[in-house]
């Protein structure tokens, strides 16, 4: 039997006559996935939007976990992702920019760089899968 921590299951179901799906991962709440006009109706996230959202949430989760293991107190965290698409098909991302903004009185730039480096090298599986396929630029700002 496969360990559930190593296997994810998804299910999508078409809900209109275009490209609007309802998607579920392992029994979590459903989300709406769609495509832009005219193929879709803009009724949900596009697949690339979800990929960028997955990247930023994965990176954020690993950076925050590492900083907390360093006993840093994090008051707030916001992460913004921006993906630049290729102009020819397949029009996936050619560049992704991620800006991490945290509020922490006791986190240094050196500690933040280390948390990002460890996330890139070891702890963020989404970034690991995208690395080498997309030019990635990660920046951060620490508010004291």
N, C-alpha and C. Protein backbone atom coordinates (compact mmCIF):
# COMPACT_ATOMS: atom_id res chain seq x y z
N UNK A 1 0.84 -1.19 0.00
CA UNK A 1 0.00 0.00 0.00
C UNK A 1 0.88 1.25 0.00
N UNK A 2 0.45 2.28 -0.74
CA UNK A 2 1.21 3.52 -0.84
C UNK A 2 0.90 4.41 0.35
N UNK A 3 1.95 5.01 0.91
CA UNK A 3 1.83 5.95 2.02
C UNK A 3 1.06 7.18 1.52
N UNK A 4 -0.03 7.57 2.24
CA UNK A 4 -0.85 8.71 1.84
C UNK A 4 -0.05 10.01 1.79
N UNK A 5 1.02 10.11 2.54
CA UNK A 5 1.85 11.32 2.50
C UNK A 5 2.59 11.42 1.18
N UNK A 6 2.70 10.31 0.46
CA UNK A 6 3.44 10.30 -0.80
C UNK A 6 2.53 10.22 -2.02
N UNK A 7 1.24 10.22 -1.79
CA UNK A 7 0.31 10.13 -2.91
C UNK A 7 -0.80 11.15 -2.74
N UNK A 8 -1.05 11.91 -3.78
CA UNK A 8 -2.17 12.84 -3.79
C UNK A 8 -3.14 12.40 -4.87
N UNK A 9 -4.40 12.59 -4.61
CA UNK A 9 -5.39 12.28 -5.63
C UNK A 9 -6.23 13.52 -5.90
N UNK A 10 -6.53 13.72 -7.16
CA UNK A 10 -7.37 14.84 -7.55
C UNK A 10 -8.53 14.33 -8.39
N UNK A 11 -9.53 15.15 -8.46
CA UNK A 11 -10.68 14.82 -9.28
C UNK A 11 -11.24 16.13 -9.82
N UNK A 12 -11.49 16.19 -11.13
CA UNK A 12 -12.15 17.35 -11.70
C UNK A 12 -13.37 16.87 -12.48
N UNK A 13 -14.39 17.73 -12.49
CA UNK A 13 -15.63 17.39 -13.17
C UNK A 13 -16.08 18.60 -13.98
N UNK A 14 -16.32 18.41 -15.25
CA UNK A 14 -16.81 19.47 -16.12
C UNK A 14 -18.21 19.87 -15.68
N UNK A 15 -18.45 21.18 -15.52
CA UNK A 15 -19.77 21.61 -15.04
C UNK A 15 -20.51 22.52 -16.02
N UNK A 16 -19.92 22.78 -17.18
CA UNK A 16 -20.66 23.53 -18.21
C UNK A 16 -20.25 23.04 -19.59
N UNK A 17 -20.68 23.75 -20.62
CA UNK A 17 -20.39 23.29 -21.97
C UNK A 17 -19.11 23.91 -22.54
N UNK A 18 -18.32 24.57 -21.67
CA UNK A 18 -17.03 25.12 -22.10
C UNK A 18 -15.91 24.41 -21.35
N UNK A 19 -15.15 25.14 -20.52
CA UNK A 19 -14.00 24.54 -19.82
C UNK A 19 -14.03 24.79 -18.31
N UNK A 20 -15.21 24.95 -17.74
CA UNK A 20 -15.33 25.17 -16.30
C UNK A 20 -15.45 23.83 -15.58
N UNK A 21 -14.49 23.58 -14.70
CA UNK A 21 -14.44 22.36 -13.91
C UNK A 21 -14.57 22.70 -12.43
N UNK A 22 -15.05 21.75 -11.67
CA UNK A 22 -14.93 21.78 -10.22
C UNK A 22 -13.83 20.78 -9.89
N UNK A 23 -12.87 21.22 -9.10
CA UNK A 23 -11.76 20.35 -8.73
C UNK A 23 -11.70 20.10 -7.24
N UNK A 24 -11.33 18.88 -6.90
CA UNK A 24 -11.19 18.49 -5.49
C UNK A 24 -9.88 17.72 -5.33
N UNK A 25 -9.18 18.00 -4.25
CA UNK A 25 -7.96 17.27 -3.91
C UNK A 25 -8.20 16.54 -2.60
N UNK A 26 -8.09 15.22 -2.63
CA UNK A 26 -8.20 14.39 -1.42
C UNK A 26 -9.34 14.79 -0.48
N UNK A 27 -10.51 15.13 -1.03
CA UNK A 27 -11.66 15.42 -0.20
C UNK A 27 -11.71 16.81 0.40
N UNK A 28 -10.80 17.71 0.04
CA UNK A 28 -10.86 19.10 0.51
C UNK A 28 -11.99 19.84 -0.18
N UNK A 29 -12.16 21.09 0.17
CA UNK A 29 -13.21 21.90 -0.45
C UNK A 29 -12.98 22.02 -1.94
N UNK A 30 -14.04 22.03 -2.73
CA UNK A 30 -13.90 22.15 -4.18
C UNK A 30 -13.50 23.57 -4.58
N UNK A 31 -12.81 23.66 -5.71
CA UNK A 31 -12.47 24.96 -6.29
C UNK A 31 -12.94 24.97 -7.73
N UNK A 32 -13.15 26.17 -8.24
CA UNK A 32 -13.57 26.32 -9.62
C UNK A 32 -12.35 26.58 -10.49
N UNK A 33 -12.23 25.82 -11.55
CA UNK A 33 -11.13 25.95 -12.51
C UNK A 33 -11.76 26.25 -13.86
N UNK A 34 -11.28 27.27 -14.54
CA UNK A 34 -11.86 27.64 -15.82
C UNK A 34 -10.76 28.20 -16.71
N UNK A 35 -11.16 28.71 -17.84
CA UNK A 35 -10.23 29.31 -18.78
C UNK A 35 -10.80 30.65 -19.20
N UNK A 36 -9.98 31.47 -19.82
CA UNK A 36 -10.40 32.79 -20.24
C UNK A 36 -11.31 32.70 -21.47
N UNK A 37 -12.03 33.79 -21.70
CA UNK A 37 -12.89 33.89 -22.88
C UNK A 37 -12.06 33.82 -24.15
N UNK A 38 -12.49 33.29 -25.23
CA UNK A 38 -13.82 32.74 -25.48
C UNK A 38 -13.92 31.26 -25.16
N UNK A 39 -12.81 30.59 -24.87
CA UNK A 39 -12.86 29.15 -24.60
C UNK A 39 -13.55 28.83 -23.28
N UNK A 40 -13.33 29.68 -22.29
CA UNK A 40 -13.97 29.50 -20.99
C UNK A 40 -14.83 30.69 -20.67
N UNK A 41 -15.27 30.77 -19.42
CA UNK A 41 -16.15 31.86 -18.98
C UNK A 41 -15.54 32.68 -17.84
N UNK A 42 -14.26 32.48 -17.52
CA UNK A 42 -13.62 33.18 -16.40
C UNK A 42 -14.35 32.94 -15.08
N UNK A 43 -14.77 31.72 -14.83
CA UNK A 43 -15.52 31.40 -13.62
C UNK A 43 -14.66 30.76 -12.53
N UNK A 44 -13.37 30.71 -12.76
CA UNK A 44 -12.49 30.11 -11.76
C UNK A 44 -11.05 30.39 -12.09
N UNK A 45 -10.17 29.79 -11.33
CA UNK A 45 -8.74 29.93 -11.55
C UNK A 45 -8.34 29.18 -12.82
N UNK A 46 -7.37 29.75 -13.55
CA UNK A 46 -6.79 28.99 -14.65
C UNK A 46 -5.74 28.05 -14.07
N UNK A 47 -5.33 27.09 -14.84
CA UNK A 47 -4.32 26.13 -14.38
C UNK A 47 -3.01 26.83 -14.04
N UNK A 48 -2.60 27.81 -14.84
CA UNK A 48 -1.35 28.53 -14.55
C UNK A 48 -1.47 29.38 -13.30
N UNK A 49 -2.64 29.95 -13.07
CA UNK A 49 -2.85 30.70 -11.82
C UNK A 49 -2.69 29.78 -10.61
N UNK A 50 -3.26 28.59 -10.72
CA UNK A 50 -3.13 27.63 -9.62
C UNK A 50 -1.69 27.19 -9.42
N UNK A 51 -0.94 27.05 -10.51
CA UNK A 51 0.46 26.68 -10.40
C UNK A 51 1.25 27.77 -9.68
N UNK A 52 1.01 29.03 -10.04
CA UNK A 52 1.70 30.14 -9.39
C UNK A 52 1.29 30.24 -7.92
N UNK A 53 0.01 30.03 -7.65
CA UNK A 53 -0.47 30.03 -6.28
C UNK A 53 0.16 28.89 -5.48
N UNK A 54 0.29 27.73 -6.09
CA UNK A 54 0.94 26.59 -5.43
C UNK A 54 2.40 26.89 -5.12
N UNK A 55 3.08 27.51 -6.06
CA UNK A 55 4.49 27.87 -5.83
C UNK A 55 4.62 28.83 -4.66
N UNK A 56 3.84 29.90 -4.66
CA UNK A 56 3.98 30.89 -3.59
C UNK A 56 3.58 30.32 -2.23
N UNK A 57 2.54 29.49 -2.20
CA UNK A 57 2.15 28.92 -0.90
C UNK A 57 3.15 27.88 -0.42
N UNK A 58 3.73 27.11 -1.33
CA UNK A 58 4.73 26.11 -0.96
C UNK A 58 6.00 26.81 -0.43
N UNK A 59 6.44 27.81 -1.15
CA UNK A 59 7.63 28.55 -0.72
C UNK A 59 7.37 29.24 0.62
N UNK A 60 6.20 29.86 0.74
CA UNK A 60 5.86 30.52 2.00
C UNK A 60 5.81 29.55 3.17
N UNK A 61 5.21 28.39 2.95
CA UNK A 61 5.11 27.40 4.02
C UNK A 61 6.49 26.92 4.47
N UNK A 62 7.35 26.65 3.51
CA UNK A 62 8.68 26.15 3.89
C UNK A 62 9.53 27.24 4.54
N UNK A 63 9.49 28.47 4.02
CA UNK A 63 10.27 29.56 4.62
C UNK A 63 9.80 29.83 6.04
N UNK A 64 8.49 29.92 6.23
CA UNK A 64 7.98 30.19 7.58
C UNK A 64 8.30 29.06 8.55
N UNK A 65 8.17 27.82 8.11
CA UNK A 65 8.50 26.69 8.97
C UNK A 65 9.97 26.75 9.39
N UNK A 66 10.85 27.03 8.43
CA UNK A 66 12.29 27.10 8.75
C UNK A 66 12.59 28.26 9.70
N UNK A 67 12.00 29.43 9.47
CA UNK A 67 12.23 30.56 10.36
C UNK A 67 11.72 30.26 11.77
N UNK A 68 10.58 29.62 11.86
CA UNK A 68 10.04 29.28 13.19
C UNK A 68 10.91 28.24 13.89
N UNK A 69 11.52 27.33 13.11
CA UNK A 69 12.46 26.38 13.72
C UNK A 69 13.71 27.09 14.24
N UNK A 70 14.00 28.27 13.67
CA UNK A 70 15.12 29.09 14.15
C UNK A 70 14.67 29.98 15.32
N UNK A 71 13.43 29.72 15.81
CA UNK A 71 12.84 30.47 16.92
C UNK A 71 12.62 31.94 16.59
N UNK A 72 12.30 32.24 15.34
CA UNK A 72 12.00 33.60 14.93
C UNK A 72 10.50 33.83 15.09
N UNK A 73 10.14 35.02 15.53
CA UNK A 73 8.73 35.33 15.67
C UNK A 73 8.28 36.10 14.42
N UNK A 74 7.26 35.57 13.77
CA UNK A 74 6.74 36.15 12.55
C UNK A 74 5.38 36.78 12.87
N UNK A 75 5.28 38.08 12.69
CA UNK A 75 4.03 38.78 12.96
C UNK A 75 3.09 38.66 11.77
N UNK A 76 3.64 38.81 10.57
CA UNK A 76 2.82 38.68 9.37
C UNK A 76 3.69 38.28 8.19
N UNK A 77 3.03 37.78 7.17
CA UNK A 77 3.74 37.36 5.96
C UNK A 77 2.81 37.53 4.76
N UNK A 78 3.33 38.15 3.72
CA UNK A 78 2.62 38.26 2.45
C UNK A 78 3.59 37.88 1.35
N UNK A 79 3.10 37.11 0.41
CA UNK A 79 3.95 36.68 -0.70
C UNK A 79 3.20 36.99 -2.00
N UNK A 80 3.90 37.66 -2.89
CA UNK A 80 3.33 38.03 -4.18
C UNK A 80 4.11 37.32 -5.28
N UNK A 81 3.39 36.69 -6.18
CA UNK A 81 4.02 36.02 -7.31
C UNK A 81 3.58 36.68 -8.61
N UNK A 82 4.49 36.74 -9.55
CA UNK A 82 4.19 37.30 -10.87
C UNK A 82 4.84 36.42 -11.90
N UNK A 83 4.04 35.87 -12.78
CA UNK A 83 4.55 34.98 -13.82
C UNK A 83 4.46 35.64 -15.18
N UNK A 84 5.55 35.60 -15.93
CA UNK A 84 5.60 36.13 -17.29
C UNK A 84 5.53 34.93 -18.24
N UNK A 85 4.52 34.93 -19.10
CA UNK A 85 4.28 33.78 -19.97
C UNK A 85 5.09 33.88 -21.26
N UNK A 86 5.38 32.73 -21.81
CA UNK A 86 6.01 32.65 -23.13
C UNK A 86 5.02 33.15 -24.18
N UNK A 87 5.56 33.64 -25.28
CA UNK A 87 4.69 34.18 -26.33
C UNK A 87 4.28 33.12 -27.35
N UNK A 88 4.96 31.96 -27.33
CA UNK A 88 4.61 30.89 -28.26
C UNK A 88 4.14 29.67 -27.46
N UNK A 89 3.37 28.83 -28.11
CA UNK A 89 2.84 27.63 -27.44
C UNK A 89 3.93 26.60 -27.23
N UNK A 90 3.93 25.90 -26.11
CA UNK A 90 3.02 26.08 -24.99
C UNK A 90 3.36 27.36 -24.21
N UNK A 91 2.35 28.15 -23.88
CA UNK A 91 2.57 29.47 -23.30
C UNK A 91 2.67 29.43 -21.77
N UNK A 92 3.47 28.50 -21.28
CA UNK A 92 3.73 28.44 -19.84
C UNK A 92 4.61 29.61 -19.42
N UNK A 93 5.04 29.58 -18.19
CA UNK A 93 5.86 30.66 -17.67
C UNK A 93 7.29 30.57 -18.19
N UNK A 94 7.84 31.72 -18.57
CA UNK A 94 9.27 31.80 -18.89
C UNK A 94 10.03 32.42 -17.72
N UNK A 95 9.35 33.26 -16.94
CA UNK A 95 9.96 33.90 -15.77
C UNK A 95 8.91 33.98 -14.66
N UNK A 96 9.38 33.79 -13.44
CA UNK A 96 8.52 33.97 -12.27
C UNK A 96 9.27 34.82 -11.25
N UNK A 97 8.58 35.82 -10.73
CA UNK A 97 9.13 36.70 -9.70
C UNK A 97 8.31 36.49 -8.43
N UNK A 98 9.00 36.23 -7.34
CA UNK A 98 8.33 36.04 -6.05
C UNK A 98 8.90 37.05 -5.07
N UNK A 99 8.01 37.81 -4.44
CA UNK A 99 8.40 38.78 -3.42
C UNK A 99 7.81 38.35 -2.09
N UNK A 100 8.68 38.09 -1.13
CA UNK A 100 8.26 37.67 0.21
C UNK A 100 8.40 38.86 1.14
N UNK A 101 7.33 39.22 1.80
CA UNK A 101 7.35 40.33 2.75
C UNK A 101 6.93 39.80 4.12
N UNK A 102 7.85 39.89 5.07
CA UNK A 102 7.52 39.43 6.43
C UNK A 102 7.71 40.58 7.40
N UNK A 103 6.99 40.49 8.48
CA UNK A 103 7.18 41.40 9.60
C UNK A 103 7.69 40.56 10.75
N UNK A 104 8.93 40.87 11.17
CA UNK A 104 9.57 40.10 12.22
C UNK A 104 10.66 40.96 12.86
N UNK A 105 10.58 41.14 14.16
CA UNK A 105 11.57 41.96 14.87
C UNK A 105 12.92 41.26 15.02
N UNK A 106 12.93 39.92 14.89
CA UNK A 106 14.16 39.20 15.20
C UNK A 106 14.71 38.35 14.06
N UNK A 107 14.26 38.58 12.84
CA UNK A 107 14.79 37.83 11.69
C UNK A 107 15.77 38.71 10.92
N UNK A 108 16.96 38.17 10.71
CA UNK A 108 17.99 38.92 9.96
C UNK A 108 17.92 38.57 8.48
N UNK A 109 18.56 39.38 7.66
CA UNK A 109 18.63 39.09 6.22
C UNK A 109 19.35 37.77 5.98
N UNK A 110 20.39 37.50 6.75
CA UNK A 110 21.15 36.25 6.61
C UNK A 110 20.25 35.04 6.89
N UNK A 111 19.43 35.12 7.92
CA UNK A 111 18.53 34.02 8.26
C UNK A 111 17.45 33.84 7.19
N UNK A 112 16.97 34.95 6.66
CA UNK A 112 15.97 34.87 5.60
C UNK A 112 16.57 34.25 4.34
N UNK A 113 17.77 34.67 3.98
CA UNK A 113 18.45 34.08 2.82
C UNK A 113 18.65 32.58 3.00
N UNK A 114 19.00 32.17 4.20
CA UNK A 114 19.21 30.74 4.49
C UNK A 114 17.89 29.96 4.36
N UNK A 115 16.82 30.53 4.88
CA UNK A 115 15.51 29.86 4.79
C UNK A 115 15.07 29.73 3.33
N UNK A 116 15.31 30.75 2.53
CA UNK A 116 14.95 30.68 1.11
C UNK A 116 15.83 29.66 0.40
N UNK A 117 17.12 29.66 0.71
CA UNK A 117 18.05 28.71 0.08
C UNK A 117 17.65 27.26 0.41
N UNK A 118 17.37 26.98 1.67
CA UNK A 118 16.95 25.63 2.07
C UNK A 118 15.63 25.24 1.41
N UNK A 119 14.73 26.21 1.28
CA UNK A 119 13.46 25.94 0.60
C UNK A 119 13.70 25.57 -0.85
N UNK A 120 14.56 26.34 -1.52
CA UNK A 120 14.87 26.08 -2.92
C UNK A 120 15.54 24.72 -3.11
N UNK A 121 16.47 24.39 -2.24
CA UNK A 121 17.28 23.18 -2.39
C UNK A 121 16.60 21.91 -1.89
N UNK A 122 15.76 22.04 -0.85
CA UNK A 122 15.29 20.84 -0.17
C UNK A 122 13.80 20.78 0.13
N UNK A 123 13.20 21.87 0.59
CA UNK A 123 11.90 21.76 1.24
C UNK A 123 10.67 22.18 0.45
N UNK A 124 10.82 22.79 -0.70
CA UNK A 124 9.65 23.22 -1.47
C UNK A 124 9.55 22.38 -2.74
N UNK A 125 8.71 21.34 -2.73
CA UNK A 125 8.63 20.45 -3.89
C UNK A 125 8.13 21.13 -5.16
N UNK A 126 7.27 22.13 -5.03
CA UNK A 126 6.77 22.81 -6.23
C UNK A 126 7.91 23.57 -6.90
N UNK A 127 8.70 24.27 -6.12
CA UNK A 127 9.86 24.99 -6.66
C UNK A 127 10.87 24.01 -7.24
N UNK A 128 11.07 22.91 -6.58
CA UNK A 128 12.01 21.89 -7.07
C UNK A 128 11.61 21.39 -8.46
N UNK A 129 10.30 21.18 -8.68
CA UNK A 129 9.84 20.69 -9.97
C UNK A 129 9.95 21.75 -11.07
N UNK A 130 9.85 23.02 -10.68
CA UNK A 130 9.88 24.10 -11.67
C UNK A 130 11.30 24.56 -11.99
N UNK A 131 12.20 24.32 -11.03
CA UNK A 131 13.58 24.77 -11.19
C UNK A 131 14.20 24.18 -12.46
N UNK A 132 14.87 25.02 -13.22
CA UNK A 132 15.49 24.57 -14.45
C UNK A 132 14.58 24.71 -15.66
N UNK A 133 13.27 24.83 -15.40
CA UNK A 133 12.31 25.01 -16.49
C UNK A 133 11.86 26.46 -16.64
N UNK A 134 11.97 27.20 -15.56
CA UNK A 134 11.50 28.58 -15.52
C UNK A 134 12.56 29.42 -14.81
N UNK A 135 12.85 30.59 -15.36
CA UNK A 135 13.76 31.50 -14.66
C UNK A 135 13.03 32.05 -13.44
N UNK A 136 13.65 31.89 -12.27
CA UNK A 136 13.00 32.24 -11.02
C UNK A 136 13.81 33.31 -10.29
N UNK A 137 13.12 34.36 -9.85
CA UNK A 137 13.77 35.41 -9.06
C UNK A 137 12.97 35.59 -7.79
N UNK A 138 13.63 35.34 -6.65
CA UNK A 138 12.97 35.46 -5.35
C UNK A 138 13.61 36.60 -4.58
N UNK A 139 12.79 37.53 -4.14
CA UNK A 139 13.27 38.65 -3.34
C UNK A 139 12.48 38.69 -2.04
N UNK A 140 12.99 39.46 -1.09
CA UNK A 140 12.28 39.57 0.19
C UNK A 140 12.52 40.92 0.82
N UNK A 141 11.61 41.24 1.74
CA UNK A 141 11.73 42.45 2.55
C UNK A 141 11.33 42.07 3.97
N UNK A 142 12.11 42.51 4.93
CA UNK A 142 11.79 42.26 6.33
C UNK A 142 11.45 43.59 6.99
N UNK A 143 10.24 43.67 7.52
CA UNK A 143 9.83 44.85 8.28
C UNK A 143 10.02 44.52 9.74
N UNK A 144 10.70 45.39 10.44
CA UNK A 144 10.98 45.16 11.87
C UNK A 144 9.83 45.61 12.75
